[in-house]
PDB file of N, CA and C in Angstrom:
ATOM      1  N   MET A   1     -10.923  53.358  27.287  1.00  0.00           N
ATOM      2  CA  MET A   1     -10.675  52.082  26.823  1.00  0.00           C
ATOM      3  C   MET A   1      -9.427  51.980  26.207  1.00  0.00           C
ATOM      4  N   ALA A   2      -8.650  50.905  26.267  1.00  0.00           N
ATOM      5  CA  ALA A   2      -7.398  50.754  25.632  1.00  0.00           C
ATOM      6  C   ALA A   2      -7.754  50.158  24.259  1.00  0.00           C
ATOM      7  N   ASN A   3      -6.797  50.648  23.262  1.00  0.00           N
ATOM      8  CA  ASN A   3      -7.011  50.316  21.959  1.00  0.00           C
ATOM      9  C   ASN A   3      -6.541  48.817  21.679  1.00  0.00           C
ATOM     10  N   LYS A   4      -7.410  47.913  21.358  1.00  0.00           N
ATOM     11  CA  LYS A   4      -7.090  46.703  21.218  1.00  0.00           C
ATOM     12  C   LYS A   4      -6.510  46.198  19.756  1.00  0.00           C
ATOM     13  N   ALA A   5      -6.638  47.100  18.772  1.00  0.00           N
ATOM     14  CA  ALA A   5      -6.450  46.837  17.599  1.00  0.00           C
ATOM     15  C   ALA A   5      -4.925  46.741  17.414  1.00  0.00           C
ATOM     16  N   LEU A   6      -4.101  47.352  18.127  1.00  0.00           N
ATOM     17  CA  LEU A   6      -2.790  47.347  17.919  1.00  0.00           C
ATOM     18  C   LEU A   6      -2.141  46.153  18.694  1.00  0.00           C
ATOM     19  N   ALA A   7      -2.976  45.633  19.589  1.00  0.00           N
ATOM     20  CA  ALA A   7      -2.348  44.469  20.449  1.00  0.00           C
ATOM     21  C   ALA A   7      -2.621  43.197  19.694  1.00  0.00           C
ATOM     22  N   THR A   8      -3.725  43.214  18.880  1.00  0.00           N
ATOM     23  CA  THR A   8      -4.075  41.901  18.070  1.00  0.00           C
ATOM     24  C   THR A   8      -3.679  42.039  16.614  1.00  0.00           C
ATOM     25  N   ARG A   9      -2.859  43.010  16.249  1.00  0.00           N
ATOM     26  CA  ARG A   9      -2.222  43.063  14.806  1.00  0.00           C
ATOM     27  C   ARG A   9      -1.257  42.213  14.687  1.00  0.00           C
ATOM     28  N   GLN A  10      -1.363  41.617  13.574  1.00  0.00           N
ATOM     29  CA  GLN A  10      -0.263  40.523  13.305  1.00  0.00           C
ATOM     30  C   GLN A  10       0.946  41.223  12.872  1.00  0.00           C
ATOM     31  N   ARG A  11       2.139  40.731  13.302  1.00  0.00           N
ATOM     32  CA  ARG A  11       3.429  41.391  13.013  1.00  0.00           C
ATOM     33  C   ARG A  11       3.684  40.883  11.591  1.00  0.00           C
ATOM     34  N   MET A  12       4.549  41.527  10.780  1.00  0.00           N
ATOM     35  CA  MET A  12       4.885  41.190   9.482  1.00  0.00           C
ATOM     36  C   MET A  12       6.085  40.445   9.743  1.00  0.00           C
ATOM     37  N   MET A  13       6.201  39.170   8.984  1.00  0.00           N
ATOM     38  CA  MET A  13       6.946  38.249   9.108  1.00  0.00           C
ATOM     39  C   MET A  13       7.480  37.749   7.756  1.00  0.00           C
ATOM     40  N   LEU A  14       8.798  37.463   7.581  1.00  0.00           N
ATOM     41  CA  LEU A  14       9.252  36.994   6.241  1.00  0.00           C
ATOM     42  C   LEU A  14       9.138  35.537   6.381  1.00  0.00           C
ATOM     43  N   ARG A  15       8.551  34.999   5.331  1.00  0.00           N
ATOM     44  CA  ARG A  15       8.009  33.637   5.065  1.00  0.00           C
ATOM     45  C   ARG A  15       9.408  33.029   4.376  1.00  0.00           C
ATOM     46  N   VAL A  16       9.921  31.909   5.008  1.00  0.00           N
ATOM     47  CA  VAL A  16      10.968  31.070   4.441  1.00  0.00           C
ATOM     48  C   VAL A  16      10.558  29.761   4.170  1.00  0.00           C
ATOM     49  N   GLU A  17      10.520  29.405   2.747  1.00  0.00           N
ATOM     50  CA  GLU A  17      10.068  27.932   2.621  1.00  0.00           C
ATOM     51  C   GLU A  17      10.909  26.943   3.241  1.00  0.00           C
ATOM     52  N   PRO A  18      10.130  25.792   3.808  1.00  0.00           N
ATOM     53  CA  PRO A  18      10.922  24.838   4.445  1.00  0.00           C
ATOM     54  C   PRO A  18      11.876  23.882   3.551  1.00  0.00           C
ATOM     55  N   ALA A  19      12.787  23.361   4.050  1.00  0.00           N
ATOM     56  CA  ALA A  19      13.708  22.729   3.309  1.00  0.00           C
ATOM     57  C   ALA A  19      12.985  21.304   3.024  1.00  0.00           C
ATOM     58  N   PRO A  20      13.338  20.629   1.894  1.00  0.00           N
ATOM     59  CA  PRO A  20      12.609  19.327   1.837  1.00  0.00           C
ATOM     60  C   PRO A  20      13.177  18.382   2.921  1.00  0.00           C
ATOM     61  N   LEU A  21      12.136  17.519   3.327  1.00  0.00           N
ATOM     62  CA  LEU A  21      12.704  16.579   4.532  1.00  0.00           C
ATOM     63  C   LEU A  21      13.550  15.486   4.062  1.00  0.00           C
ATOM     64  N   LYS A  22      14.473  15.196   4.910  1.00  0.00           N
ATOM     65  CA  LYS A  22      15.254  14.162   4.444  1.00  0.00           C
ATOM     66  C   LYS A  22      14.742  12.789   4.957  1.00  0.00           C
ATOM     67  N   PRO A  23      14.712  11.851   4.155  1.00  0.00           N
ATOM     68  CA  PRO A  23      13.886  10.662   4.317  1.00  0.00           C
ATOM     69  C   PRO A  23      14.833   9.743   5.525  1.00  0.00           C
ATOM     70  N   ARG A  24      13.895   9.126   6.366  1.00  0.00           N
ATOM     71  CA  ARG A  24      14.695   8.449   7.350  1.00  0.00           C
ATOM     72  C   ARG A  24      15.562   7.344   6.987  1.00  0.00           C
ATOM     73  N   ASN A  25      15.065   6.713   5.789  1.00  0.00           N
ATOM     74  CA  ASN A  25      16.122   5.504   5.198  1.00  0.00           C
ATOM     75  C   ASN A  25      16.005   5.864   3.655  1.00  0.00           C
ATOM     76  N   PRO A  26      17.030   6.301   3.195  1.00  0.00           N
ATOM     77  CA  PRO A  26      17.030   6.602   1.796  1.00  0.00           C
ATOM     78  C   PRO A  26      17.008   5.491   0.887  1.00  0.00           C
ATOM     79  N   PHE A  27      17.216   4.212   1.346  1.00  0.00           N
ATOM     80  CA  PHE A  27      17.192   3.124   0.652  1.00  0.00           C
ATOM     81  C   PHE A  27      15.815   2.509   0.508  1.00  0.00           C
ATOM     82  N   ALA A  28      14.919   2.836   1.395  1.00  0.00           N
ATOM     83  CA  ALA A  28      13.439   2.366   1.351  1.00  0.00           C
ATOM     84  C   ALA A  28      12.672   2.787  -0.022  1.00  0.00           C
ATOM     85  N   GLY A  29      13.015   3.912  -0.571  1.00  0.00           N
ATOM     86  CA  GLY A  29      12.268   4.187  -1.708  1.00  0.00           C
ATOM     87  C   GLY A  29      12.765   3.224  -3.019  1.00  0.00           C
ATOM     88  N   PHE A  30      14.023   2.994  -2.972  1.00  0.00           N
ATOM     89  CA  PHE A  30      14.530   2.039  -3.963  1.00  0.00           C
ATOM     90  C   PHE A  30      13.972   0.646  -3.823  1.00  0.00           C
ATOM     91  N   ALA A  31      13.664   0.121  -2.635  1.00  0.00           N
ATOM     92  CA  ALA A  31      13.144  -1.072  -2.238  1.00  0.00           C
ATOM     93  C   ALA A  31      11.724  -1.190  -2.779  1.00  0.00           C
ATOM     94  N   LYS A  32      10.963  -0.009  -2.567  1.00  0.00           N
ATOM     95  CA  LYS A  32       9.719   0.012  -2.901  1.00  0.00           C
ATOM     96  C   LYS A  32       9.283  -0.003  -4.377  1.00  0.00           C
ATOM     97  N   GLN A  33      10.158   0.512  -5.106  1.00  0.00           N
ATOM     98  CA  GLN A  33      10.208   0.619  -6.584  1.00  0.00           C
ATOM     99  C   GLN A  33      10.370  -0.992  -7.199  1.00  0.00           C
ATOM    100  N   ARG A  34      11.412  -1.529  -6.593  1.00  0.00           N
ATOM    101  CA  ARG A  34      11.665  -2.817  -6.819  1.00  0.00           C
ATOM    102  C   ARG A  34      10.856  -4.049  -6.398  1.00  0.00           C
ATOM    103  N   ALA A  35       9.937  -3.537  -5.516  1.00  0.00           N
ATOM    104  CA  ALA A  35       9.067  -4.610  -4.986  1.00  0.00           C
ATOM    105  C   ALA A  35       8.194  -5.417  -6.196  1.00  0.00           C
ATOM    106  N   ALA A  36       8.037  -6.595  -6.045  1.00  0.00           N
ATOM    107  CA  ALA A  36       7.390  -7.347  -7.126  1.00  0.00           C
ATOM    108  C   ALA A  36       6.021  -7.473  -6.621  1.00  0.00           C
ATOM    109  N   GLY A  37       5.212  -7.928  -7.481  1.00  0.00           N
ATOM    110  CA  GLY A  37       3.645  -7.949  -7.177  1.00  0.00           C
ATOM    111  C   GLY A  37       3.378  -9.509  -6.549  1.00  0.00           C
ATOM    112  N   THR A  38       2.293  -9.931  -6.657  1.00  0.00           N
ATOM    113  CA  THR A  38       1.901 -11.253  -5.933  1.00  0.00           C
ATOM    114  C   THR A  38       2.756 -12.239  -6.535  1.00  0.00           C
ATOM    115  N   HIS A  39       3.154 -13.268  -5.704  1.00  0.00           N
ATOM    116  CA  HIS A  39       3.932 -14.444  -6.317  1.00  0.00           C
ATOM    117  C   HIS A  39       2.983 -15.510  -6.782  1.00  0.00           C
ATOM    118  N   ALA A  40       3.670 -16.331  -7.493  1.00  0.00           N
ATOM    119  CA  ALA A  40       2.881 -17.596  -8.079  1.00  0.00           C
ATOM    120  C   ALA A  40       2.378 -18.399  -6.987  1.00  0.00           C
ATOM    121  N   LYS A  41       1.228 -19.251  -7.031  1.00  0.00           N
ATOM    122  CA  LYS A  41       0.840 -20.179  -6.127  1.00  0.00           C
ATOM    123  C   LYS A  41       1.758 -21.249  -6.069  1.00  0.00           C
ATOM    124  N   PRO A  42       1.928 -21.707  -4.876  1.00  0.00           N
ATOM    125  CA  PRO A  42       2.797 -23.063  -4.786  1.00  0.00           C
ATOM    126  C   PRO A  42       2.046 -24.206  -5.479  1.00  0.00           C
ATOM    127  N   LEU A  43       2.915 -25.195  -5.875  1.00  0.00           N
ATOM    128  CA  LEU A  43       2.366 -26.321  -6.428  1.00  0.00           C
ATOM    129  C   LEU A  43       1.394 -27.219  -5.608  1.00  0.00           C
ATOM    130  N   ALA A  44       1.707 -27.071  -4.263  1.00  0.00           N
ATOM    131  CA  ALA A  44       0.694 -27.930  -3.554  1.00  0.00           C
ATOM    132  C   ALA A  44      -0.619 -27.473  -3.502  1.00  0.00           C
ATOM    133  N   SER A  45      -0.738 -25.999  -3.603  1.00  0.00           N
ATOM    134  CA  SER A  45      -2.190 -25.528  -3.546  1.00  0.00           C
ATOM    135  C   SER A  45      -2.835 -25.638  -4.880  1.00  0.00           C
ATOM    136  N   GLU A  46      -1.964 -25.794  -5.807  1.00  0.00           N
ATOM    137  CA  GLU A  46      -2.662 -26.079  -7.146  1.00  0.00           C
ATOM    138  C   GLU A  46      -3.215 -27.579  -7.201  1.00  0.00           C
ATOM    139  N   ARG A  47      -2.364 -28.517  -6.614  1.00  0.00           N
ATOM    140  CA  ARG A  47      -2.736 -29.912  -6.362  1.00  0.00           C
ATOM    141  C   ARG A  47      -4.083 -30.004  -5.686  1.00  0.00           C
ATOM    142  N   LEU A  48      -3.937 -29.374  -4.522  1.00  0.00           N
ATOM    143  CA  LEU A  48      -5.298 -29.338  -3.520  1.00  0.00           C
ATOM    144  C   LEU A  48      -6.488 -28.861  -4.215  1.00  0.00           C
ATOM    145  N   ALA A  49      -6.320 -27.772  -5.130  1.00  0.00           N
ATOM    146  CA  ALA A  49      -7.442 -27.280  -5.812  1.00  0.00           C
ATOM    147  C   ALA A  49      -8.026 -28.158  -6.777  1.00  0.00           C
ATOM    148  N   ALA A  50      -7.058 -28.772  -7.478  1.00  0.00           N
ATOM    149  CA  ALA A  50      -7.475 -29.886  -8.580  1.00  0.00           C
ATOM    150  C   ALA A  50      -8.172 -31.106  -7.805  1.00  0.00           C
ATOM    151  N   LYS A  51      -7.916 -31.471  -6.590  1.00  0.00           N
ATOM    152  CA  LYS A  51      -8.512 -32.466  -5.808  1.00  0.00           C
ATOM    153  C   LYS A  51      -9.760 -32.110  -5.520  1.00  0.00           C
ATOM    154  N   ARG A  52      -9.956 -30.973  -5.145  1.00  0.00           N
ATOM    155  CA  ARG A  52     -11.252 -30.383  -4.625  1.00  0.00           C
ATOM    156  C   ARG A  52     -12.302 -30.484  -5.842  1.00  0.00           C
ATOM    157  N   ALA A  53     -11.793 -29.865  -7.045  1.00  0.00           N
ATOM    158  CA  ALA A  53     -12.489 -29.863  -8.272  1.00  0.00           C
ATOM    159  C   ALA A  53     -13.088 -31.149  -8.675  1.00  0.00           C
ATOM    160  N   LEU A  54     -12.115 -32.331  -8.663  1.00  0.00           N
ATOM    161  CA  LEU A  54     -12.506 -33.686  -8.825  1.00  0.00           C
ATOM    162  C   LEU A  54     -13.517 -34.343  -7.893  1.00  0.00           C
ATOM    163  N   LYS A  55     -13.603 -33.825  -6.668  1.00  0.00           N
ATOM    164  CA  LYS A  55     -14.446 -34.277  -5.714  1.00  0.00           C
ATOM    165  C   LYS A  55     -15.986 -33.645  -6.077  1.00  0.00           C
ATOM    166  N   LYS A  56     -15.915 -32.207  -6.462  1.00  0.00           N
ATOM    167  CA  LYS A  56     -17.097 -31.503  -6.649  1.00  0.00           C
ATOM    168  C   LYS A  56     -17.760 -32.113  -7.993  1.00  0.00           C
ATOM    169  N   ALA A  57     -16.905 -32.587  -8.997  1.00  0.00           N
ATOM    170  CA  ALA A  57     -17.466 -32.739 -10.233  1.00  0.00           C
ATOM    171  C   ALA A  57     -18.438 -34.226 -10.266  1.00  0.00           C
ATOM    172  N   LYS A  58     -19.456 -34.243 -10.832  1.00  0.00           N
ATOM    173  CA  LYS A  58     -20.177 -35.310 -10.790  1.00  0.00           C
ATOM    174  C   LYS A  58     -19.775 -36.322 -11.638  1.00  0.00           C
ATOM    175  N   LEU A  59     -19.517 -37.567 -11.308  1.00  0.00           N
ATOM    176  CA  LEU A  59     -18.782 -38.592 -12.194  1.00  0.00           C
ATOM    177  C   LEU A  59     -19.934 -39.451 -12.555  1.00  0.00           C
ATOM    178  N   GLU A  60     -19.965 -39.627 -13.957  1.00  0.00           N
ATOM    179  CA  GLU A  60     -21.116 -40.437 -14.499  1.00  0.00           C
ATOM    180  C   GLU A  60     -20.615 -41.592 -15.361  1.00  0.00           C
ATOM    181  N   ALA A  61     -21.177 -42.800 -15.159  1.00  0.00           N
ATOM    182  CA  ALA A  61     -20.762 -43.791 -15.858  1.00  0.00           C
ATOM    183  C   ALA A  61     -20.980 -43.862 -17.298  1.00  0.00           C
ATOM    184  N   ASP A  62     -20.104 -44.339 -18.111  1.00  0.00           N
ATOM    185  CA  ASP A  62     -20.294 -44.606 -19.485  1.00  0.00           C
ATOM    186  C   ASP A  62     -21.299 -45.651 -19.718  1.00  0.00           C
ATOM    187  N   ASP A  63     -22.054 -45.439 -20.663  1.00  0.00           N
ATOM    188  CA  ASP A  63     -23.330 -46.337 -21.055  1.00  0.00           C
ATOM    189  C   ASP A  63     -22.936 -47.249 -22.446  1.00  0.00           C
ATOM    190  N   GLU A  64     -22.233 -48.252 -22.040  1.00  0.00           N
ATOM    191  CA  GLU A  64     -21.812 -49.061 -23.283  1.00  0.00           C
ATOM    192  C   GLU A  64     -21.860 -50.473 -23.260  1.00  0.00           C
TER     193      GLU A  64
END
């Protein structure tokens, strides 16, 4: 029978650390850092929300 231990033995290899990957778009990182959060709601949506709140509120007549 053949000696299979020699055939399956791993060869000694020198490991070289991979070079850091070059980004596809170097300016994309700067844009991400500069990105703002959520924007303020438009005035139209605030007016619409106020209108809805008025319709929901129960209006009671003053007793005078």
